[in-house]
Structure formats: structure tokens, C-alpha cells
Protein backbone atom coordinates (compact mmCIF):
# COMPACT_ATOMS: atom_id res chain seq x y z
CA UNK A 1 89.79 60.69 127.45
CA UNK A 2 93.26 59.35 128.14
CA UNK A 3 93.43 56.24 130.31
CA UNK A 4 94.67 56.60 133.88
CA UNK A 5 95.95 54.09 136.45
CA UNK A 6 93.54 52.47 138.86
CA UNK A 7 95.15 53.98 141.98
CA UNK A 8 95.72 57.73 142.29
CA UNK A 9 97.35 59.60 145.19
CA UNK A 10 96.59 63.34 145.50
CA UNK A 11 99.12 65.50 147.34
CA UNK A 12 97.06 68.43 148.60
CA UNK A 13 93.73 66.70 148.05
CA UNK A 14 91.85 69.26 150.15
CA UNK A 15 92.56 72.06 147.68
CA UNK A 16 89.57 73.24 145.69
CA UNK A 17 91.06 72.30 142.31
CA UNK A 18 92.51 69.02 143.49
CA UNK A 19 89.28 67.92 145.16
CA UNK A 20 87.35 68.44 141.92
CA UNK A 21 89.79 66.11 140.15
CA UNK A 22 89.52 63.59 142.98
CA UNK A 23 85.73 63.61 142.65
CA UNK A 24 86.03 62.98 138.93
CA UNK A 25 88.22 59.92 139.47
CA UNK A 26 86.02 58.59 142.27
CA UNK A 27 83.06 58.94 139.92
CA UNK A 28 84.97 57.00 137.25
CA UNK A 29 85.67 54.10 139.63
CA UNK A 30 89.33 54.77 140.49
CA UNK A 31 90.75 54.22 143.98
CA UNK A 32 91.56 57.67 145.32
CA UNK A 33 94.01 58.39 148.14
CA UNK A 34 95.31 61.70 149.37
CA UNK A 35 97.25 63.80 151.84
CA UNK A 36 96.48 67.23 153.24
CA UNK A 37 97.84 69.19 156.17
CA UNK A 38 94.51 69.65 157.94
CA UNK A 39 91.18 67.89 158.07
CA UNK A 40 88.48 70.09 156.57
CA UNK A 41 84.82 69.73 155.68
CA UNK A 42 85.88 69.18 152.08
CA UNK A 43 88.22 66.36 153.10
CA UNK A 44 85.46 64.74 155.15
CA UNK A 45 83.12 64.95 152.17
CA UNK A 46 85.71 63.24 149.96
CA UNK A 47 86.08 60.45 152.52
CA UNK A 48 82.30 60.00 152.51
CA UNK A 49 82.49 59.75 148.72
CA UNK A 50 85.13 57.02 148.87
CA UNK A 51 88.57 58.61 149.24
CA UNK A 52 91.24 57.57 151.77
CA UNK A 53 92.99 60.63 153.26
CA UNK A 54 95.90 61.04 155.67
CA UNK A 55 96.96 64.21 157.50
CA UNK A 56 100.49 63.34 158.59
CA UNK A 57 103.55 63.37 156.36
CA UNK A 58 104.71 60.16 158.06
CA UNK A 59 101.49 58.18 157.59
CA UNK A 60 101.92 57.05 153.98
CA UNK A 61 100.01 53.75 153.77
CA UNK A 62 102.25 50.69 153.57
CA UNK A 63 100.34 49.48 150.54
CA UNK A 64 101.88 52.32 148.55
CA UNK A 65 105.35 51.00 149.20
CA UNK A 66 105.25 48.57 146.30
CA UNK A 67 101.94 46.82 145.65
CA UNK A 68 100.46 49.45 143.30
CA UNK A 69 103.55 49.98 141.19
CA UNK A 70 102.68 49.98 137.51
CA UNK A 71 99.03 50.82 138.13
CA UNK A 72 99.29 54.05 140.11
CA UNK A 73 100.26 57.69 139.79
CA UNK A 74 100.67 60.75 141.99
CA UNK A 75 99.01 64.12 141.39
CA UNK A 76 100.41 67.18 143.12
CA UNK A 77 99.35 70.77 143.56
CA UNK A 78 101.88 73.64 143.42
CA UNK A 79 100.98 74.36 147.06
CA UNK A 80 102.89 71.21 148.07
CA UNK A 81 106.57 71.99 148.58
CA UNK A 82 109.32 70.07 146.80
CA UNK A 83 110.71 68.84 150.13
CA UNK A 84 107.42 67.25 151.23
CA UNK A 85 108.38 63.81 152.67
CA UNK A 86 105.50 62.00 150.96
CA UNK A 87 106.40 63.51 147.59
CA UNK A 88 110.05 62.54 148.06
CA UNK A 89 109.14 58.99 149.11
CA UNK A 90 106.79 58.39 146.19
CA UNK A 91 109.30 59.79 143.72
CA UNK A 92 112.04 57.59 145.17
CA UNK A 93 109.76 54.59 144.72
CA UNK A 94 109.37 55.41 141.03
CA UNK A 95 105.75 56.51 140.90
CA UNK A 96 104.99 59.01 138.11
CA UNK A 97 104.19 62.47 139.49
CA UNK A 98 101.98 64.81 137.48
CA UNK A 99 100.85 68.35 138.16
CA UNK A 100 97.14 68.95 138.63
CA UNK A 101 97.05 71.05 135.45
CA UNK A 102 98.63 68.23 133.43
CA UNK A 103 95.99 65.77 134.57
CA UNK A 104 93.19 68.24 133.86
CA UNK A 105 94.65 68.82 130.41
CA UNK A 106 94.66 65.08 129.68
CA UNK A 107 91.08 64.66 130.90
CA UNK A 108 89.75 67.48 128.74
CA UNK A 109 91.96 67.02 125.67
CA UNK A 110 89.39 65.04 123.69
CA UNK A 111 86.35 66.95 124.92
CA UNK A 112 84.83 70.23 123.74
CA UNK A 113 86.54 72.45 126.30
CA UNK A 114 85.11 75.78 127.47
CA UNK A 115 87.81 77.45 129.56
CA UNK A 116 87.40 80.52 131.77
CA UNK A 117 90.60 82.46 132.49
CA UNK A 118 91.41 85.68 134.32
CA UNK A 119 93.21 86.79 137.46
CA UNK A 120 89.83 87.23 139.15
CA UNK A 121 86.21 86.54 138.30
CA UNK A 122 86.89 83.17 136.73
CA UNK A 123 85.37 81.05 139.51
CA UNK A 124 82.03 82.86 139.51
CA UNK A 125 81.99 83.06 135.70
CA UNK A 126 82.75 79.37 135.21
CA UNK A 127 80.18 78.39 137.85
CA UNK A 128 77.51 80.49 136.11
CA UNK A 129 78.48 79.02 132.74
CA UNK A 130 78.19 75.45 134.01
CA UNK A 131 74.87 76.27 135.65
CA UNK A 132 73.45 77.72 132.44
CA UNK A 133 74.09 74.41 130.69
CA UNK A 134 72.76 72.24 133.52
CA UNK A 135 69.70 74.40 134.05
CA UNK A 136 68.91 74.03 130.33
CA UNK A 137 69.08 70.21 130.77
CA UNK A 138 72.47 69.91 129.09
CA UNK A 139 74.56 67.92 131.57
CA UNK A 140 78.13 69.06 130.92
CA UNK A 141 81.22 68.20 132.94
CA UNK A 142 82.57 71.04 135.07
CA UNK A 143 85.75 71.49 137.12
CA UNK A 144 85.26 74.60 139.22
CA UNK A 145 87.51 76.62 141.50
CA UNK A 146 84.76 76.99 144.10
CA UNK A 147 81.72 75.18 145.43
CA UNK A 148 78.64 76.14 143.39
CA UNK A 149 75.80 76.75 145.82
CA UNK A 150 73.15 75.35 143.47
CA UNK A 151 74.88 71.95 143.49
CA UNK A 152 77.00 72.09 146.68
CA UNK A 153 80.02 70.78 144.79
CA UNK A 154 82.97 71.95 142.71
CA UNK A 155 82.61 69.07 140.22
CA UNK A 156 79.63 68.42 137.96
CA UNK A 157 79.20 65.08 136.24
CA UNK A 158 78.42 65.34 132.57
CA UNK A 159 76.49 63.35 130.03
CA UNK A 160 77.73 65.05 126.87
CA UNK A 161 81.16 65.62 125.38
CA UNK A 162 81.53 69.15 126.72
CA UNK A 163 83.44 70.41 129.75
CA UNK A 164 83.64 73.74 131.58
CA UNK A 165 86.97 74.35 133.30
CA UNK A 166 88.44 77.14 135.34
CA UNK A 167 91.72 77.95 133.61
CA UNK A 168 94.31 78.84 136.26
CA UNK A 169 97.10 81.21 135.22
CA UNK A 170 99.30 80.34 138.21
CA UNK A 171 102.49 78.56 137.13
CA UNK A 172 101.24 78.83 133.51
CA UNK A 173 98.86 75.98 134.33
CA UNK A 174 96.25 76.93 131.73
CA UNK A 175 98.72 76.30 128.93
CA UNK A 176 98.13 72.57 129.56
CA UNK A 177 94.55 72.99 128.34
CA UNK A 178 93.37 72.84 124.75
CA UNK A 179 90.38 75.21 124.85
CA UNK A 180 87.82 75.15 122.05
CA UNK A 181 86.17 78.27 123.45
CA UNK A 182 87.57 80.55 126.12
CA UNK A 183 86.69 83.59 128.18
CA UNK A 184 89.28 85.99 129.57
CA UNK A 185 87.71 88.06 132.34
CA UNK A 186 90.74 90.28 133.01
CA UNK A 187 94.53 90.29 132.97
CA UNK A 188 95.31 92.33 136.09
CA UNK A 189 98.77 91.74 137.49
CA UNK A 190 99.17 88.85 139.92
CA UNK A 191 101.57 85.99 140.67
CA UNK A 192 104.60 88.19 140.06
CA UNK A 193 106.63 85.57 141.94
CA UNK A 194 106.11 83.47 138.79
CA UNK A 195 105.98 86.07 136.01
CA UNK A 196 108.38 88.76 137.28
CA UNK A 197 106.44 91.55 135.55
CA UNK A 198 102.91 92.40 134.33
CA UNK A 199 104.19 92.35 130.76
CA UNK A 200 105.42 88.76 131.04
CA UNK A 201 102.12 87.68 132.58
CA UNK A 202 100.18 89.32 129.73
CA UNK A 203 102.29 87.44 127.18
CA UNK A 204 101.28 84.13 128.76
CA UNK A 205 97.62 85.16 128.57
CA UNK A 206 98.24 85.93 124.91
CA UNK A 207 99.59 82.39 124.43
CA UNK A 208 96.45 80.99 126.03
CA UNK A 209 94.26 83.25 123.86
CA UNK A 210 96.06 82.13 120.70
CA UNK A 211 95.28 78.50 121.47
CA UNK A 212 91.60 79.33 121.90
CA UNK A 213 91.46 81.28 118.63
CA UNK A 214 93.13 78.45 116.71
CA UNK A 215 90.83 75.78 118.15
CA UNK A 216 87.59 77.73 118.27
CA UNK A 217 86.46 81.10 119.61
CA UNK A 218 87.77 83.59 122.14
CA UNK A 219 85.60 85.96 124.18
CA UNK A 220 87.28 88.73 126.19
CA UNK A 221 86.04 91.52 128.40
CA UNK A 222 86.06 94.72 126.36
CA UNK A 223 89.24 96.71 126.97
CA UNK A 224 91.58 93.77 127.54
CA UNK A 225 94.57 94.25 125.20
CA UNK A 226 94.23 90.84 123.54
CA UNK A 227 92.79 90.49 120.00
CA UNK A 228 89.41 88.78 119.84
CA UNK A 229 86.41 88.63 117.53
CA UNK A 230 84.01 88.57 120.50
CA UNK A 231 83.85 90.96 123.46
CA UNK A 232 81.50 91.68 126.36
CA UNK A 233 81.02 94.75 128.54
CA UNK A 234 78.77 96.46 131.07
CA UNK A 235 80.10 99.87 129.99
CA UNK A 236 80.71 99.85 126.22
CA UNK A 237 77.86 99.44 123.74
CA UNK A 238 80.38 98.59 121.01
CA UNK A 239 81.05 95.19 122.61
CA UNK A 240 79.62 92.08 120.94
CA UNK A 241 77.55 91.43 124.07
CA UNK A 242 76.45 94.38 126.18
CA UNK A 243 74.58 94.62 129.50
CA UNK A 244 71.97 97.37 129.23
CA UNK A 245 69.45 98.98 131.56
CA UNK A 246 71.35 97.93 134.70
CA UNK A 247 69.56 98.85 137.92
CA UNK A 248 69.10 97.50 141.44
CA UNK A 249 65.74 96.62 143.00
CA UNK A 250 65.67 95.30 146.57
CA UNK A 251 69.31 94.25 146.38
CA UNK A 252 68.86 92.38 143.08
CA UNK A 253 70.57 93.48 139.87
CA UNK A 254 68.24 93.70 136.90
CA UNK A 255 69.52 94.12 133.36
CA UNK A 256 69.12 93.15 129.72
CA UNK A 257 71.66 91.47 127.44
CA UNK A 258 72.02 93.05 124.01
CA UNK A 259 73.56 91.32 121.00
CA UNK A 260 73.11 91.99 117.30
CA UNK A 261 70.96 88.85 117.00
CA UNK A 262 69.11 88.87 120.34
CA UNK A 263 67.95 90.93 123.29
CA UNK A 264 67.42 88.99 126.53
CA UNK A 265 65.25 91.09 128.82
CA UNK A 266 64.19 90.72 132.42
CA UNK A 267 67.31 89.17 133.92
CA UNK A 268 67.44 89.25 137.73
CA UNK A 269 70.79 88.40 139.29
CA UNK A 270 70.89 87.89 143.04
CA UNK A 271 74.69 88.29 143.22
CA UNK A 272 75.66 91.73 144.55
CA UNK A 273 78.05 93.99 142.69
CA UNK A 274 78.33 95.36 139.18
CA UNK A 275 81.37 93.13 138.64
CA UNK A 276 79.09 90.10 138.99
CA UNK A 277 76.80 91.49 136.30
CA UNK A 278 79.91 91.47 134.11
CA UNK A 279 80.75 87.88 135.12
CA UNK A 280 77.19 86.80 134.36
CA UNK A 281 77.29 88.58 131.00
CA UNK A 282 80.49 86.77 129.96
CA UNK A 283 79.08 83.39 130.96
CA UNK A 284 75.78 84.09 129.19
CA UNK A 285 77.61 85.15 126.03
CA UNK A 286 79.66 81.97 125.82
CA UNK A 287 76.62 79.84 126.65
CA UNK A 288 74.69 81.51 123.81
CA UNK A 289 77.62 80.92 121.45
CA UNK A 290 77.37 77.22 122.35
CA UNK A 291 73.68 76.76 121.80
CA UNK A 292 71.95 77.70 125.06
CA UNK A 293 68.69 79.50 124.20
CA UNK A 294 67.91 83.06 125.33
CA UNK A 295 65.05 81.78 127.48
CA UNK A 296 67.27 79.26 129.22
CA UNK A 297 69.93 81.93 129.76
CA UNK A 298 67.40 84.20 131.46
CA UNK A 299 66.02 81.41 133.63
CA UNK A 300 69.51 80.15 134.48
CA UNK A 301 70.81 83.55 135.56
CA UNK A 302 67.69 84.21 137.58
CA UNK A 303 68.15 80.91 139.46
CA UNK A 304 71.91 81.08 140.07
CA UNK A 305 72.65 81.17 143.80
CA UNK A 306 76.36 81.93 143.81
CA UNK A 307 79.59 80.26 144.91
CA UNK A 308 80.67 79.49 148.45
CA UNK A 309 82.96 82.19 149.86
CA UNK A 310 82.11 84.61 147.04
CA UNK A 311 80.15 87.35 148.81
CA UNK A 312 78.56 84.71 151.03
CA UNK A 313 75.95 86.06 153.43
CA UNK A 314 76.07 84.57 156.93
CA UNK A 315 73.80 87.23 158.41
CA UNK A 316 71.69 89.79 156.59
CA UNK A 317 69.29 92.35 158.04
CA UNK A 318 68.62 96.00 157.27
CA UNK A 319 71.12 97.11 159.89
CA UNK A 320 73.56 94.23 160.40
CA UNK A 321 75.42 91.83 158.14
CA UNK A 322 78.19 89.25 158.09
CA UNK A 323 79.77 88.61 154.69
CA UNK A 324 82.59 86.20 153.84
CA UNK A 325 84.55 86.56 150.61
CA UNK A 326 87.56 84.96 148.93
CA UNK A 327 89.00 88.35 147.90
CA UNK A 328 92.79 88.15 148.01
CA UNK A 329 93.85 90.61 145.29
CA UNK A 330 93.54 94.41 145.61
CA UNK A 331 91.11 94.65 142.69
CA UNK A 332 88.87 92.02 144.27
CA UNK A 333 89.10 93.70 147.67
CA UNK A 334 88.16 97.10 146.25
CA UNK A 335 85.15 95.61 144.44
CA UNK A 336 84.07 93.81 147.61
CA UNK A 337 84.33 96.91 149.79
CA UNK A 338 82.58 99.08 147.20
CA UNK A 339 79.69 96.63 146.99
CA UNK A 340 79.30 96.41 150.77
CA UNK A 341 79.39 100.21 151.07
CA UNK A 342 76.69 100.52 148.40
CA UNK A 343 74.46 98.09 150.33
CA UNK A 344 75.13 99.69 153.75
CA UNK A 345 76.03 103.33 153.03
CA UNK A 346 75.22 104.64 156.52
CA UNK A 347 76.51 101.81 158.69
CA UNK A 348 79.83 101.16 160.41
CA UNK A 349 81.73 98.56 158.37
CA UNK A 350 84.64 96.43 159.58
CA UNK A 351 86.83 94.29 157.34
CA UNK A 352 88.93 91.48 158.79
CA UNK A 353 91.52 90.77 156.09
CA UNK A 354 93.96 87.88 155.94
CA UNK A 355 96.68 88.58 153.35
CA UNK A 356 97.41 85.54 151.18
CA UNK A 357 101.06 84.85 150.29
CA UNK A 358 104.01 86.96 151.36
CA UNK A 359 104.95 87.64 147.75
CA UNK A 360 101.50 88.96 146.80
CA UNK A 361 101.40 91.10 149.95
CA UNK A 362 104.80 92.56 149.06
CA UNK A 363 104.01 93.13 145.37
CA UNK A 364 100.68 94.89 145.99
CA UNK A 365 101.18 96.38 149.46
CA UNK A 366 100.26 99.95 148.46
CA UNK A 367 97.14 98.77 146.63
CA UNK A 368 96.01 96.64 149.58
CA UNK A 369 96.55 99.58 151.92
CA UNK A 370 94.51 101.88 149.68
CA UNK A 371 91.64 99.39 149.45
CA UNK A 372 91.46 98.79 153.20
CA UNK A 373 91.70 102.48 154.05
CA UNK A 374 88.21 102.88 152.58
CA UNK A 375 86.41 101.05 155.43
CA UNK A 376 85.63 102.29 158.93
CA UNK A 377 87.49 99.57 160.85
CA UNK A 378 90.10 97.49 158.99
CA UNK A 379 92.05 94.75 160.76
CA UNK A 380 94.90 92.65 159.42
CA UNK A 381 95.51 89.04 160.44
CA UNK A 382 98.94 87.45 159.93
CA UNK A 383 99.80 86.56 156.33
CA UNK A 384 98.55 83.14 155.26
CA UNK A 385 101.72 81.61 153.76
CA UNK A 386 100.23 78.73 151.71
CA UNK A 387 103.21 77.42 149.74
CA UNK A 388 105.66 80.17 150.81
CA UNK A 389 108.11 80.79 153.60
CA UNK A 390 108.32 84.21 155.33
CA UNK A 391 111.38 85.45 153.47
CA UNK A 392 109.86 88.25 151.37
CA UNK A 393 110.61 91.00 153.88
CA UNK A 394 106.99 91.87 154.61
CA UNK A 395 104.26 90.96 157.08
CA UNK A 396 100.92 92.38 158.19
CA UNK A 397 102.61 94.96 160.43
CA UNK A 398 104.53 96.30 157.44
CA UNK A 399 101.27 96.51 155.49
CA UNK A 400 99.66 98.38 158.38
CA UNK A 401 102.42 101.01 158.29
CA UNK A 402 101.39 101.88 154.73
CA UNK A 403 97.80 102.58 155.73
CA UNK A 404 96.38 106.00 156.61
CA UNK A 405 93.26 104.83 158.38
CA UNK A 406 93.66 105.68 162.08
CA UNK A 407 91.35 102.80 163.05
CA UNK A 408 93.46 100.17 161.26
CA UNK A 409 94.97 97.42 163.39
CA UNK A 410 97.16 94.35 163.02
CA UNK A 411 95.80 91.63 165.31
CA UNK A 412 96.38 88.02 166.25
CA UNK A 413 93.74 85.37 165.48
CA UNK A 414 92.93 84.94 169.16
CA UNK A 415 92.15 88.66 169.46
CA UNK A 416 89.34 88.81 166.88
CA UNK A 417 86.55 88.87 169.45
CA UNK A 418 88.18 91.68 171.45
CA UNK A 419 88.78 93.67 168.26
CA UNK A 420 85.12 93.38 167.28
CA UNK A 421 83.96 94.53 170.71
CA UNK A 422 86.21 97.59 170.55
CA UNK A 423 85.45 98.45 166.91
CA UNK A 424 81.68 97.94 167.38
CA UNK A 425 80.78 97.57 163.68
CA UNK A 426 77.29 96.96 162.29
CA UNK A 427 78.62 95.10 159.26
CA UNK A 428 81.52 92.63 159.38
CA UNK A 429 83.37 91.35 156.31
CA UNK A 430 85.92 88.54 156.41
CA UNK A 431 88.16 88.48 153.34
CA UNK A 432 91.03 86.30 152.16
CA UNK A 433 91.94 83.06 150.40
CA UNK A 434 93.38 81.26 153.42
CA UNK A 435 91.53 79.94 156.47
CA UNK A 436 89.93 83.19 157.56
CA UNK A 437 86.49 81.61 157.42
CA UNK A 438 87.33 79.94 160.76
CA UNK A 439 86.55 83.31 162.40
CA UNK A 440 82.97 83.42 161.13
CA UNK A 441 81.50 81.89 164.27
CA UNK A 442 83.13 84.54 166.47
CA UNK A 443 81.92 87.32 164.17
CA UNK A 444 78.40 85.91 164.00
CA UNK A 445 78.18 85.60 167.79
CA UNK A 446 79.36 89.19 168.17
CA UNK A 447 76.71 90.52 165.75
CA UNK A 448 73.91 88.43 167.26
CA UNK A 449 74.77 89.75 170.72
CA UNK A 450 74.87 93.31 169.43
CA UNK A 451 71.45 92.88 167.80
CA UNK A 452 69.86 91.70 171.07
CA UNK A 453 71.62 94.03 173.47
């Protein structure tokens, strides 16, 4: 591993990818500092673990003015704008500024790197993959894009020279990695503000795939138009790894994994949705290719408890449910809604959706509208801007106009409770990659009152 300065300042430390890096450096004995716009549970956890965090752009500690020069660096996330005052100050003072992906690439460069890429599915797949190793008593490093429920963290400390990383396609970040093995879960269009067209995005995935094939092995979901010697599928028996005998018993997916050398029977996956069977299959395949035994794969999949904000149950009965999910792409939203409908086919379902990024909302407006039209009561919150400014010519009201569902509404955050009372759903789903989870308490209170009234 490349050496790093003693003092490290993270701009956007509360982000899920940045916080995993911060935890790594805290674990290695570095002094970690950071800035984020809001105080969150994740920020408070980092402080408890040893980080110093500020929440104002004018509160840069005086000690960073000069005393760390020569033994410090700055790590930034793309979510931090170029005109951020702290970023400008630190640059003016001469501190080196690296992107998160560059730092992750340096950390993993001399390790056996298992990278999971794809426009969706990569967080769950990488979390399952890391769990399969840890459950089999192989303590690998892992940098995850979500908090694994089994460990309540997005960073796993390793004891061997192997690392699982979520390979982010945004801003071509994953090209900073040197993967020895890689999974590509899908190449659906996204981030067109970066790539301009689906074809250009696919070419970057092809660059990533070529690196994996040169350095080791590449595993892709069957049907992805990228050459690979290894494939996996829940639909095609011609794939190298195939999920067979898929059925649901009491809300649990049961299936077998078929490969020319093995059959792993009796797998029970508690994660809902056929797409999660596919994620589990990809993780199991790469784990098997790296020495995890069939018995450990079965036991690991059976014990995997999911990832925070990936189909997270906050209430679950036969007639009522509250589910929170990170879905922020039309494909993810359709899979989420389809899964909920399969679990509650005869109940009134409401989805509270917070679009993420103006550019993504603009680029996939028709697809979002089609996905949300499929529920009984869809409601749109204002777009969560993240790193963007509202100059893309679209907002939630414009998205609403594309919808055909007569029950669809565009509402303000303060009107969520009133909307729930009027819609009167049995099942509530909150979906989005922003801060929509702050409405869970209101939704839970509504459902609890409905259950007792």
C-alpha cells in the first residue's frame, strides 16, 4: 500500500464512499478531519471513532492554515462543488487535493482487488461478496457503498491481502482501480451528464472490463454486451453460473446454484426480489472463483441480512408495511415496485419518491413516470440536487405532468403527513438517494395509527 500523510482532510466526509475511506485511515492511525454540510448519524459515528468534523464552510480549523503542510492531504468527493470555500482555501495553501477514487486506487493497487461494477446492484453484490469471505473466516478488506447490516458498517478491516471494492462508474472513477477480478452487474444508462450518451458510457465499462481481463478474470451478468469468459444468470442455463429451482417460501427466496463443477443446493436468501437472487448469484460466483467453498457460500448467503436502505423493512405485518429503499434510477424503481406488489398484491400501495439530481430526472423523466404510474398512490418530493444547481429545466412538477396516474401528486416535505392521511395506503415505500429517509418517522406513525384505529 502506498504511504499517505499523517493528516487527512475529507471534503464530504459524510458520504457513504468517503466515510469508508475515513474509517480505513482512522484504523491505520492517521489523524482524520472532515467537512460535511449536515450532521448525520454517520458523521456522529465517525466522531466517536476519532474523526474531527466541521459543518460550516467558514470553520476550517486554524491548525490547517500552516502547521500540517508537508504531512497532509485533502480528499474530495465529486459532490463537493469547485467553488467550495474550504476547497479553495486548502488549494490556495498548497495542500495536495485528490479525488476519492484516486485514493481508493492507491490503497488497493498492491492488493488482490475484487471490484463490483454496474449502474445498479453493485452495493448489494459487493456487500454479499465481502460477507461470504468474512463468514468463511477469511477477513478481507471491504469498501462498500452502503452499510452492511451484518456488520453495521461500510468498511471491513482485513487480515489478508485481498480487498472487495464497489467500483463507481460516476466520473469514470472505477478506471482508477486495478481489478484482479471484477463483476459487472449491468450497464444500464445513467450519469448522462458525464457520458453524453449510453454508447459512451458502455465504452467506459468496456475499458474497465479490459483491465480486469488483463489482470485476472471478469464475470458479467449474461446478456451484457461485453466479452467475458464467465457469466451468471437467473434466466439462461447457458451461463457459467446459473440460479435454478427459484421459488419463494414465506417471503424467502430459495434456489440452487449450478456450475459445471458444482451444484450448491438449499440456499435461502432473505432479501426480497428476483434481482437480489441475481446479485447473490454474482457474488457467490466470484467468491467460488476465489476459493470460498460451496458449503461456506450456502451458509453465507443464508445468513446475509442485507444493506441499510436497500429494501429496508421498518414495519412488516400481513396487512401493513413500511419499506425504505435507495432506488434512484428507473430500473431500480421498477424492480422495487414490482417486488412490493408481489409481496402485497391486494393492498393499497403508496410510494413517496424523491428524485435525485436534476440531470437524471431530466434524462429519464418518461421512465420514472412509467415506473411510478404502476402504484396506487405515487407522490413526488422536490428534486434532491446533491452536487447540481436547478438549471436543467425540470422539476418534480414537470415529472408529474408526464404521469398518467390520476392519484399522483407533487408535494412539499412538510405535507407528507397530510398526503398519507388522504391517500390512506396500507403499504408505504420511501424511495430515493437523497435524504428521504427523514420522513420515515412520519410514515411509521401514520401506519401505526391506522393499525390501531
